[in-house]
Amino acid sequence: MYLAARQCAIPLFDGDLRFDPVAQHSAGYIGPCLVALVTDIVTATPISLHRT
């Protein structure tokens, strides 16, 4: 696993960081990525998704 190989803490299964093995980029590439929920620091309201 990507995070374990880099000695990172593994997030909770239902947390704000997820793994998508078949994400599709707008340019057409399909492959694995990490998806993180971005929230407002004060209100915790969801703002966006970040894909890596």
PDB file of N, CA and C in Angstrom:
ATOM      1  N   MET A   1       0.840  -1.175   0.000  1.00  0.00           N
ATOM      2  CA  MET A   1       0.000   0.000   0.000  1.00  0.00           C
ATOM      3  C   MET A   1       0.890   1.246   0.000  1.00  0.00           C
ATOM      4  N   TYR A   2       0.462   2.263  -0.708  1.00  0.00           N
ATOM      5  CA  TYR A   2       1.236   3.485  -0.910  1.00  0.00           C
ATOM      6  C   TYR A   2       1.661   4.134   0.404  1.00  0.00           C
ATOM      7  N   LEU A   3       0.717   4.360   1.310  1.00  0.00           N
ATOM      8  CA  LEU A   3       1.034   5.037   2.565  1.00  0.00           C
ATOM      9  C   LEU A   3       1.903   4.177   3.480  1.00  0.00           C
ATOM     10  N   ALA A   4       1.615   2.907   3.553  1.00  0.00           N
ATOM     11  CA  ALA A   4       2.393   2.008   4.405  1.00  0.00           C
ATOM     12  C   ALA A   4       3.843   1.924   3.925  1.00  0.00           C
ATOM     13  N   ALA A   5       4.048   1.902   2.618  1.00  0.00           N
ATOM     14  CA  ALA A   5       5.393   1.840   2.064  1.00  0.00           C
ATOM     15  C   ALA A   5       6.207   3.080   2.423  1.00  0.00           C
ATOM     16  N   ARG A   6       5.529   4.179   2.686  1.00  0.00           N
ATOM     17  CA  ARG A   6       6.191   5.432   3.063  1.00  0.00           C
ATOM     18  C   ARG A   6       6.150   5.676   4.561  1.00  0.00           C
ATOM     19  N   GLN A   7       5.780   4.629   5.309  1.00  0.00           N
ATOM     20  CA  GLN A   7       5.722   4.642   6.767  1.00  0.00           C
ATOM     21  C   GLN A   7       4.798   5.734   7.301  1.00  0.00           C
ATOM     22  N   CYS A   8       3.689   5.974   6.597  1.00  0.00           N
ATOM     23  CA  CYS A   8       2.674   6.928   7.034  1.00  0.00           C
ATOM     24  C   CYS A   8       1.618   6.208   7.863  1.00  0.00           C
ATOM     25  N   ALA A   9       0.979   6.938   8.729  1.00  0.00           N
ATOM     26  CA  ALA A   9      -0.133   6.367   9.483  1.00  0.00           C
ATOM     27  C   ALA A   9      -1.265   6.034   8.517  1.00  0.00           C
ATOM     28  N   ILE A  10      -1.870   4.882   8.690  1.00  0.00           N
ATOM     29  CA  ILE A  10      -2.971   4.465   7.824  1.00  0.00           C
ATOM     30  C   ILE A  10      -4.254   5.103   8.350  1.00  0.00           C
ATOM     31  N   PRO A  11      -4.958   5.885   7.502  1.00  0.00           N
ATOM     32  CA  PRO A  11      -6.181   6.550   7.962  1.00  0.00           C
ATOM     33  C   PRO A  11      -7.308   5.548   8.208  1.00  0.00           C
ATOM     34  N   LEU A  12      -8.275   5.968   8.984  1.00  0.00           N
ATOM     35  CA  LEU A  12      -9.448   5.140   9.247  1.00  0.00           C
ATOM     36  C   LEU A  12     -10.171   4.820   7.941  1.00  0.00           C
ATOM     37  N   PHE A  13     -10.803   3.661   7.888  1.00  0.00           N
ATOM     38  CA  PHE A  13     -11.502   3.223   6.674  1.00  0.00           C
ATOM     39  C   PHE A  13     -12.543   4.239   6.223  1.00  0.00           C
ATOM     40  N   ASP A  14     -13.249   4.862   7.177  1.00  0.00           N
ATOM     41  CA  ASP A  14     -14.305   5.814   6.824  1.00  0.00           C
ATOM     42  C   ASP A  14     -13.858   7.269   7.023  1.00  0.00           C
ATOM     43  N   GLY A  15     -12.546   7.510   6.980  1.00  0.00           N
ATOM     44  CA  GLY A  15     -11.999   8.847   7.196  1.00  0.00           C
ATOM     45  C   GLY A  15     -12.081   9.736   5.961  1.00  0.00           C
ATOM     46  N   ASP A  16     -11.398  10.873   6.027  1.00  0.00           N
ATOM     47  CA  ASP A  16     -11.435  11.862   4.952  1.00  0.00           C
ATOM     48  C   ASP A  16     -10.379  11.643   3.876  1.00  0.00           C
ATOM     49  N   LEU A  17      -9.552  10.616   4.033  1.00  0.00           N
ATOM     50  CA  LEU A  17      -8.555  10.268   3.024  1.00  0.00           C
ATOM     51  C   LEU A  17      -8.879   8.878   2.510  1.00  0.00           C
ATOM     52  N   ARG A  18      -9.063   8.776   1.208  1.00  0.00           N
ATOM     53  CA  ARG A  18      -9.448   7.483   0.603  1.00  0.00           C
ATOM     54  C   ARG A  18      -8.513   7.151  -0.545  1.00  0.00           C
ATOM     55  N   PHE A  19      -8.519   5.897  -0.953  1.00  0.00           N
ATOM     56  CA  PHE A  19      -7.754   5.412  -2.094  1.00  0.00           C
ATOM     57  C   PHE A  19      -8.731   4.983  -3.170  1.00  0.00           C
ATOM     58  N   ASP A  20      -8.493   5.433  -4.391  1.00  0.00           N
ATOM     59  CA  ASP A  20      -9.322   5.024  -5.529  1.00  0.00           C
ATOM     60  C   ASP A  20      -8.401   4.355  -6.547  1.00  0.00           C
ATOM     61  N   PRO A  21      -8.526   3.044  -6.749  1.00  0.00           N
ATOM     62  CA  PRO A  21      -7.607   2.335  -7.649  1.00  0.00           C
ATOM     63  C   PRO A  21      -7.840   2.619  -9.131  1.00  0.00           C
ATOM     64  N   VAL A  22      -9.010   3.149  -9.477  1.00  0.00           N
ATOM     65  CA  VAL A  22      -9.310   3.385 -10.898  1.00  0.00           C
ATOM     66  C   VAL A  22      -9.914   4.775 -11.126  1.00  0.00           C
ATOM     67  N   ALA A  23      -9.266   5.797 -10.608  1.00  0.00           N
ATOM     68  CA  ALA A  23      -9.749   7.171 -10.815  1.00  0.00           C
ATOM     69  C   ALA A  23      -9.462   7.598 -12.253  1.00  0.00           C
ATOM     70  N   GLN A  24     -10.368   8.380 -12.825  1.00  0.00           N
ATOM     71  CA  GLN A  24     -10.175   8.852 -14.193  1.00  0.00           C
ATOM     72  C   GLN A  24      -9.865  10.349 -14.186  1.00  0.00           C
ATOM     73  N   HIS A  25      -8.735  10.704 -14.791  1.00  0.00           N
ATOM     74  CA  HIS A  25      -8.326  12.105 -14.918  1.00  0.00           C
ATOM     75  C   HIS A  25      -9.078  12.723 -16.088  1.00  0.00           C
ATOM     76  N   SER A  26      -9.248  14.042 -16.051  1.00  0.00           N
ATOM     77  CA  SER A  26      -9.974  14.730 -17.130  1.00  0.00           C
ATOM     78  C   SER A  26      -9.276  14.580 -18.487  1.00  0.00           C
ATOM     79  N   ALA A  27      -7.975  14.281 -18.479  1.00  0.00           N
ATOM     80  CA  ALA A  27      -7.234  14.072 -19.728  1.00  0.00           C
ATOM     81  C   ALA A  27      -7.404  12.651 -20.267  1.00  0.00           C
ATOM     82  N   GLY A  28      -8.101  11.801 -19.499  1.00  0.00           N
ATOM     83  CA  GLY A  28      -8.369  10.449 -19.964  1.00  0.00           C
ATOM     84  C   GLY A  28      -7.584   9.359 -19.256  1.00  0.00           C
ATOM     85  N   TYR A  29      -6.513   9.720 -18.539  1.00  0.00           N
ATOM     86  CA  TYR A  29      -5.719   8.727 -17.822  1.00  0.00           C
ATOM     87  C   TYR A  29      -6.568   8.073 -16.738  1.00  0.00           C
ATOM     88  N   ILE A  30      -6.446   6.755 -16.601  1.00  0.00           N
ATOM     89  CA  ILE A  30      -7.134   6.017 -15.547  1.00  0.00           C
ATOM     90  C   ILE A  30      -6.078   5.301 -14.717  1.00  0.00           C
ATOM     91  N   GLY A  31      -6.101   5.536 -13.409  1.00  0.00           N
ATOM     92  CA  GLY A  31      -5.126   4.897 -12.540  1.00  0.00           C
ATOM     93  C   GLY A  31      -5.415   5.190 -11.085  1.00  0.00           C
ATOM     94  N   PRO A  32      -4.545   4.727 -10.199  1.00  0.00           N
ATOM     95  CA  PRO A  32      -4.766   4.889  -8.763  1.00  0.00           C
ATOM     96  C   PRO A  32      -4.526   6.319  -8.293  1.00  0.00           C
ATOM     97  N   CYS A  33      -5.242   6.723  -7.253  1.00  0.00           N
ATOM     98  CA  CYS A  33      -5.007   8.037  -6.643  1.00  0.00           C
ATOM     99  C   CYS A  33      -5.523   8.059  -5.209  1.00  0.00           C
ATOM    100  N   LEU A  34      -5.005   9.024  -4.462  1.00  0.00           N
ATOM    101  CA  LEU A  34      -5.515   9.318  -3.131  1.00  0.00           C
ATOM    102  C   LEU A  34      -6.497  10.465  -3.271  1.00  0.00           C
ATOM    103  N   VAL A  35      -7.606  10.380  -2.563  1.00  0.00           N
ATOM    104  CA  VAL A  35      -8.631  11.426  -2.600  1.00  0.00           C
ATOM    105  C   VAL A  35      -8.821  11.926  -1.168  1.00  0.00           C
ATOM    106  N   ALA A  36      -8.695  13.242  -0.988  1.00  0.00           N
ATOM    107  CA  ALA A  36      -8.829  13.834   0.348  1.00  0.00           C
ATOM    108  C   ALA A  36      -9.953  14.868   0.348  1.00  0.00           C
ATOM    109  N   LEU A  37     -10.761  14.830   1.385  1.00  0.00           N
ATOM    110  CA  LEU A  37     -11.803  15.826   1.577  1.00  0.00           C
ATOM    111  C   LEU A  37     -11.172  17.079   2.166  1.00  0.00           C
ATOM    112  N   VAL A  38     -11.424  18.222   1.530  1.00  0.00           N
ATOM    113  CA  VAL A  38     -10.932  19.514   2.016  1.00  0.00           C
ATOM    114  C   VAL A  38     -12.098  20.203   2.708  1.00  0.00           C
ATOM    115  N   THR A  39     -11.870  20.631   3.957  1.00  0.00           N
ATOM    116  CA  THR A  39     -12.937  21.269   4.734  1.00  0.00           C
ATOM    117  C   THR A  39     -12.497  22.643   5.225  1.00  0.00           C
ATOM    118  N   ASP A  40     -13.473  23.472   5.541  1.00  0.00           N
ATOM    119  CA  ASP A  40     -13.212  24.782   6.135  1.00  0.00           C
ATOM    120  C   ASP A  40     -12.646  24.573   7.533  1.00  0.00           C
ATOM    121  N   ILE A  41     -11.580  25.273   7.861  1.00  0.00           N
ATOM    122  CA  ILE A  41     -10.899  25.068   9.139  1.00  0.00           C
ATOM    123  C   ILE A  41     -11.745  25.499  10.337  1.00  0.00           C
ATOM    124  N   VAL A  42     -12.654  26.432  10.140  1.00  0.00           N
ATOM    125  CA  VAL A  42     -13.480  26.926  11.241  1.00  0.00           C
ATOM    126  C   VAL A  42     -14.786  26.143  11.374  1.00  0.00           C
ATOM    127  N   THR A  43     -15.476  25.934  10.247  1.00  0.00           N
ATOM    128  CA  THR A  43     -16.809  25.335  10.301  1.00  0.00           C
ATOM    129  C   THR A  43     -16.834  23.842   9.978  1.00  0.00           C
ATOM    130  N   ALA A  44     -15.745  23.316   9.453  1.00  0.00           N
ATOM    131  CA  ALA A  44     -15.653  21.917   9.013  1.00  0.00           C
ATOM    132  C   ALA A  44     -16.587  21.599   7.853  1.00  0.00           C
ATOM    133  N   THR A  45     -17.068  22.625   7.172  1.00  0.00           N
ATOM    134  CA  THR A  45     -17.921  22.447   5.998  1.00  0.00           C
ATOM    135  C   THR A  45     -17.067  21.938   4.835  1.00  0.00           C
ATOM    136  N   PRO A  46     -17.498  20.887   4.130  1.00  0.00           N
ATOM    137  CA  PRO A  46     -16.755  20.430   2.966  1.00  0.00           C
ATOM    138  C   PRO A  46     -16.641  21.531   1.905  1.00  0.00           C
ATOM    139  N   ILE A  47     -15.442  21.703   1.367  1.00  0.00           N
ATOM    140  CA  ILE A  47     -15.191  22.731   0.367  1.00  0.00           C
ATOM    141  C   ILE A  47     -14.858  22.108  -0.989  1.00  0.00           C
ATOM    142  N   SER A  48     -14.049  21.063  -0.971  1.00  0.00           N
ATOM    143  CA  SER A  48     -13.558  20.511  -2.233  1.00  0.00           C
ATOM    144  C   SER A  48     -13.004  19.113  -2.006  1.00  0.00           C
ATOM    145  N   LEU A  49     -12.554  18.499  -3.082  1.00  0.00           N
ATOM    146  CA  LEU A  49     -11.813  17.246  -3.024  1.00  0.00           C
ATOM    147  C   LEU A  49     -10.439  17.499  -3.639  1.00  0.00           C
ATOM    148  N   HIS A  50      -9.435  16.877  -3.051  1.00  0.00           N
ATOM    149  CA  HIS A  50      -8.081  16.971  -3.597  1.00  0.00           C
ATOM    150  C   HIS A  50      -7.674  15.574  -4.024  1.00  0.00           C
ATOM    151  N   ARG A  51      -7.203  15.459  -5.260  1.00  0.00           N
ATOM    152  CA  ARG A  51      -6.743  14.159  -5.773  1.00  0.00           C
ATOM    153  C   ARG A  51      -5.243  14.208  -6.026  1.00  0.00           C
ATOM    154  N   THR A  52      -4.558  13.171  -5.585  1.00  0.00           N
ATOM    155  CA  THR A  52      -3.120  13.058  -5.805  1.00  0.00           C
ATOM    156  C   THR A  52      -2.844  11.768  -6.550  1.00  0.00           C
TER     157      THR A  52
END
